[in-house]
C-alpha atoms as a PDB file:
ATOM      1  CA  MET A   1     102.454 102.010 109.320  1.00  0.00           C
ATOM      2  CA  TYR A   2     102.230 103.664 112.626  1.00  0.00           C
ATOM      3  CA  CYS A   3     100.513 106.856 114.564  1.00  0.00           C
ATOM      4  CA  HIS A   4      99.621 107.479 118.013  1.00  0.00           C
ATOM      5  CA  SER A   5      96.736 105.516 118.200  1.00  0.00           C
ATOM      6  CA  GLY A   6      96.625 103.723 114.873  1.00  0.00           C
ATOM      7  CA  ILE A   7      93.880 104.697 113.349  1.00  0.00           C
ATOM      8  CA  ARG A   8      95.124 107.438 110.788  1.00  0.00           C
ATOM      9  CA  SER A   9      97.775 104.889 109.878  1.00  0.00           C
ATOM     10  CA  GLY A  10      95.176 102.087 109.847  1.00  0.00           C
ATOM     11  CA  ILE A  11      93.202 104.702 107.814  1.00  0.00           C
ATOM     12  CA  ALA A  12      96.637 105.290 105.749  1.00  0.00           C
ATOM     13  CA  VAL A  13      97.048 101.802 105.294  1.00  0.00           C
ATOM     14  CA  GLN A  14      93.605 101.491 103.561  1.00  0.00           C
ATOM     15  CA  SER A  15      94.257 103.697 100.723  1.00  0.00           C
ATOM     16  CA  LEU A  16      98.196 102.495  99.897  1.00  0.00           C
ATOM     17  CA  LYS A  17      96.165  98.734  99.899  1.00  0.00           C
ATOM     18  CA  GLN A  18      93.357 100.655  96.911  1.00  0.00           C
ATOM     19  CA  LEU A  19      96.470 101.730  95.530  1.00  0.00           C
ATOM     20  CA  GLY A  20      97.179  98.730  95.345  1.00  0.00           C
ATOM     21  CA  PHE A  21      99.787  98.202  97.154  1.00  0.00           C
ATOM     22  CA  ARG A  22      99.872  94.784  99.464  1.00  0.00           C
ATOM     23  CA  LYS A  23     103.251  94.296 101.329  1.00  0.00           C
ATOM     24  CA  VAL A  24     102.095  97.248 103.685  1.00  0.00           C
ATOM     25  CA  LYS A  25     101.712  97.031 108.039  1.00  0.00           C
ATOM     26  CA  ASN A  26      99.748  98.580 110.867  1.00  0.00           C
ATOM     27  CA  LEU A  27     100.272  98.379 114.654  1.00  0.00           C
ATOM     28  CA  LEU A  28      97.220  97.885 116.076  1.00  0.00           C
ATOM     29  CA  GLY A  29      96.405 100.946 118.432  1.00  0.00           C
ATOM     30  CA  GLY A  30      99.350 102.479 117.824  1.00  0.00           C
ATOM     31  CA  ILE A  31     102.936 103.835 119.360  1.00  0.00           C
ATOM     32  CA  ASP A  32     100.408 104.310 123.097  1.00  0.00           C
ATOM     33  CA  ARG A  33      99.679 100.839 123.029  1.00  0.00           C
ATOM     34  CA  TRP A  34     103.393  99.721 122.566  1.00  0.00           C
ATOM     35  CA  ALA A  35     104.175 102.090 125.239  1.00  0.00           C
ATOM     36  CA  GLU A  36     101.688  99.795 127.778  1.00  0.00           C
ATOM     37  CA  VAL A  37     102.289  96.749 126.325  1.00  0.00           C
ATOM     38  CA  VAL A  38     105.803  95.736 124.704  1.00  0.00           C
ATOM     39  CA  ASP A  39     108.327  99.176 126.746  1.00  0.00           C
ATOM     40  CA  PRO A  40     105.833 100.122 129.367  1.00  0.00           C
ATOM     41  CA  GLU A  41     109.030 102.183 130.269  1.00  0.00           C
ATOM     42  CA  MET A  42     108.983 104.143 127.994  1.00  0.00           C
ATOM     43  CA  PRO A  43     106.828 108.051 128.078  1.00  0.00           C
ATOM     44  CA  ARG A  44     103.817 108.488 127.541  1.00  0.00           C
ATOM     45  CA  TYR A  45     101.478 111.594 126.915  1.00  0.00           C
END
């Protein structure tokens, strides 16, 4: 899961795990952190 900052996607992952899903992951820091660390040319807002 991913969202802008990783907070909402983290909550969604926790909820899915409580429902029994095991193969779910969260992009820590969200898309914004991805743009900062992995792809600095990606536009950020």
